Amino acid sequence: MSSDLDAEIATRLSHRSPDYVHLLRRCGEERALSQGKRVHGHIRSFYRGKRVAFLANLLLEMYGKCGSLSDARQVFDDSLFHRNLFSWGLMMNAYAKNGHCKEVVRLYWEMSNQGVKMENSVVFLLVLGACSKLGSFKPGKSLHSHVLESGFFSDSLHSALITMYGRCGSAEEARREFDRIATKNVVTWSAMLGAYARNGHSRQAVEIYRRMVHEEKLEPSEVTYLGVVEACASLRSLDLGREIHRSIEAAGRLEIGAALGNALIGMYSKCRSCDDAWRVFESMKNKTVFSWNCMISAFTQQGQNRRALQLYHRMEPEGMKRNLVTFLSALTACSALQDLAQGKAIHARVADAGYDAQVVVRNALVHMYSKCGDLDAARDVFDNTVERSEVSWNSIMAAYAQNGRAAEALELYRKMDVQPDCITFTTALDACSRLRALDQGREIHQRLVSSGLMPDAATGNALITMYGRCCCLDEARAVFDAMEARDVVTWTAIIAAYSQSGDARQALEIYARMRAESSVKPNEITLVAIADACCAAKDLVQGRLVHSRAISSKFQIHGSLGNALVNMYASCGSLVEARKLFDEMRDHRDVICWSSMIAAYARHGHAAEALNLLSELCLEGVEPDHITFITILFACSHAGLVAEGRYVFALMVEDYCGCPDAQHYQCLVDVLGRAGWMPLAEELVKSMPFEPECAAWMTLLGSYNVCGDYQRGRQAAELGLC
């Protein structure tokens, strides 16, 4: 194409009267800057300093289209150039098209100060558009005064003013302008709808849409639909969103372009309906990379990470090039799934695409590797990050804290070479909580106060948790009382602090206060903490109320909440209710749930039921953990079931490749001792694969005393005290 243009330029410039108009326009259309400059040079030599306004304007237009603002400005500022209104407009348009909105506004005021007379609304539209993009309310308001003084009014100007006020955050000014318009068309209605939607007035946006369609009988445009879909997304109104979607399909609007399809995908994602979003995505004929990213993001946000990765893998075969956002969403999915193999593969693709040096990518990689448990890879990415932000430090600190290496997380906190933020302090306090590092926690608290970041909800909650874990309830309560804005995490943290420190009654009192004084509603984690408090307090009545609250709140009663309720019922002596709930959780029982129910039977002397549950657990393919085996051995010990106890111990070692620890051996010693199998019990203590603890010898001592063999009991006591 450039060779054709070069040939045409050579031909046309050889004429006695060169066709500069055609050449400049073609250079602008083809963004051919070097050829445009060649034509410009020929003009200068041809006219030898004469003023040729119409060619100067064409040069402005050409340089603007080519993105060469310095050349455009040089033409504009040329002393030989006689500027007119059209020239000012072209220069402003050049700035606007190349994203220099501040220069557009500045140039307008320069023009106004020079007394250039406005003859149409084109310049106003340019400057209003620049103010809209900048979100500059004051210049926009002043410009509105100039519009009123000029007397130029058109539908496009009204709409531009409404849009400008909407983008500048003033839906009220936009509405005042809208109400001044006597005869409104679809453009002005859509502008007002967009102003409301953009500023969080979603219900008013929907009201405008309904008035426009049902009262004014106007056919919505794509802009109309974009605004009302945005409003539906903000309202999280799935029914309304589906209604608007049906209207779009009835009007045949979905094929207008990808923008509307992308907006619908985003709306359905916010309304937590991935299936609806997927139907929109699959129906779109002209998907852009943004469309793919919207759908992948919708899946990750709703926890459908496998589907997100499946869609990621479809992109390349369908000819869609992935971008930075694609890779970040895919890494998020790998993190959630803890899929290290796919995470590494995506890391390689990120590097191939040239994105791996960007700090946002490196932070995502640190997070992915840490979630997948590969701390060495996470640290390698961090250490090779040239420009580390506070997010980089926060990511690697969280990686260590959440993978059982909290001491190293605190060491990283001390080495930080950037200013810490609230997330940094929250992560450091989490590490202190895990380590029960009270002194370091107090130091961080003091630094928070001196840095002016207190009070803050996240750091306040972290402080309450840290002090609670360190059993410093007075300090935890002081932080709680000082917090003016308390969210559900705050209330849960102080309840858990009291519950975990053994003050179950105070935990229940705080819960009662939360319900009486606060509009904050408890979540699943709050109810877990309260169920634990009821368990400790043996308060079955309150425990039943917690269960009822979980049902009325439509919480999923499985996982942590279900396990806590089973444990609560068992601890309060209601085995029937514990078993009923356990059976209701059939499709969602994990090893903790099984262990809780087994422990319930064991504590109440129902060894046979505990053993039956162990058999059921194994048949369902759930792998028992070390707590499950300790619980079963405890049940066998107290029921005098020697054969069963030995079988369970062998099952752990042989079938589940378990390595019994001191507690398991101690339980089996107790099983044998209680049954009077003293030689075998003593032999077991002496044959442990590690040095027997004092507790094992003391267990043996107790068995000898029961049997009346005080001499051997004395020997066991001496060995235990060595």
Foldseek 3Di string as FASTA:
>chain_A
DVVVLVVVQVVQLPDPDRPLLVNLVVCLVVLPVVSLVVSVVSVCVSVVLAEDQVSLLSSLQSCLSNLNLVSNVCSVPDPNHDDAPSSLLSNLVSCVVNVNLVVLLVSVVVCVVVVHQDDACSSVLSNLVSLLVVLPDPSLVVSVVVCVVNPHDDLSNLLSSLSNCLSNQHLPVSVVSLVVDPDHALSSLLSSLQSCLSNVVLVVSVVSVCCCCPVVVHDHDLSSLLSNLSSLLSVLPPVVLVVSVVSCVVVVNLQVDVSNLLSSLSSCLSNLNLVSNVVSLVPHPDDALSSLLSSLQSCLSNVNLVVSVVSLVVQVVVPYDHDPSSLLSNLSSLLSVLPVVVLVVSQVVCVVVVNLLDQVNLLSSLSNCLSNVNLVSSVVSLVPHDDHDLSSLLSNLLSCQVNVNLVVSLVSLVVDPYDHDLSSLLSNLSSCLVVLVVVVLVVSVVVCVVVVVPPDASNLLSSLQSCLSNLNLVRSVVSLVPDPDYALSSLLSNLLSCLVNLNLVVSVVSVVCCVVPHPHDHDLSSLLSNLSSCLSVLPVVVLVVSVVVCVVVVHDCADSNVLSSLLSCLSNPNLVVSVVSLVVCVVHHALSSLLSNLLSCLVVLNLVVSVVSVVVCVVVVHDHDLSSLLSNLSSLLVNLPLVVNVVSVCCCCPVVVHDDDLSSLLSNLSSCLSNPVLVVSVVSQVPRPDNHALSSLVSSLVSCVVVVNNVVSVVSNVSSVD
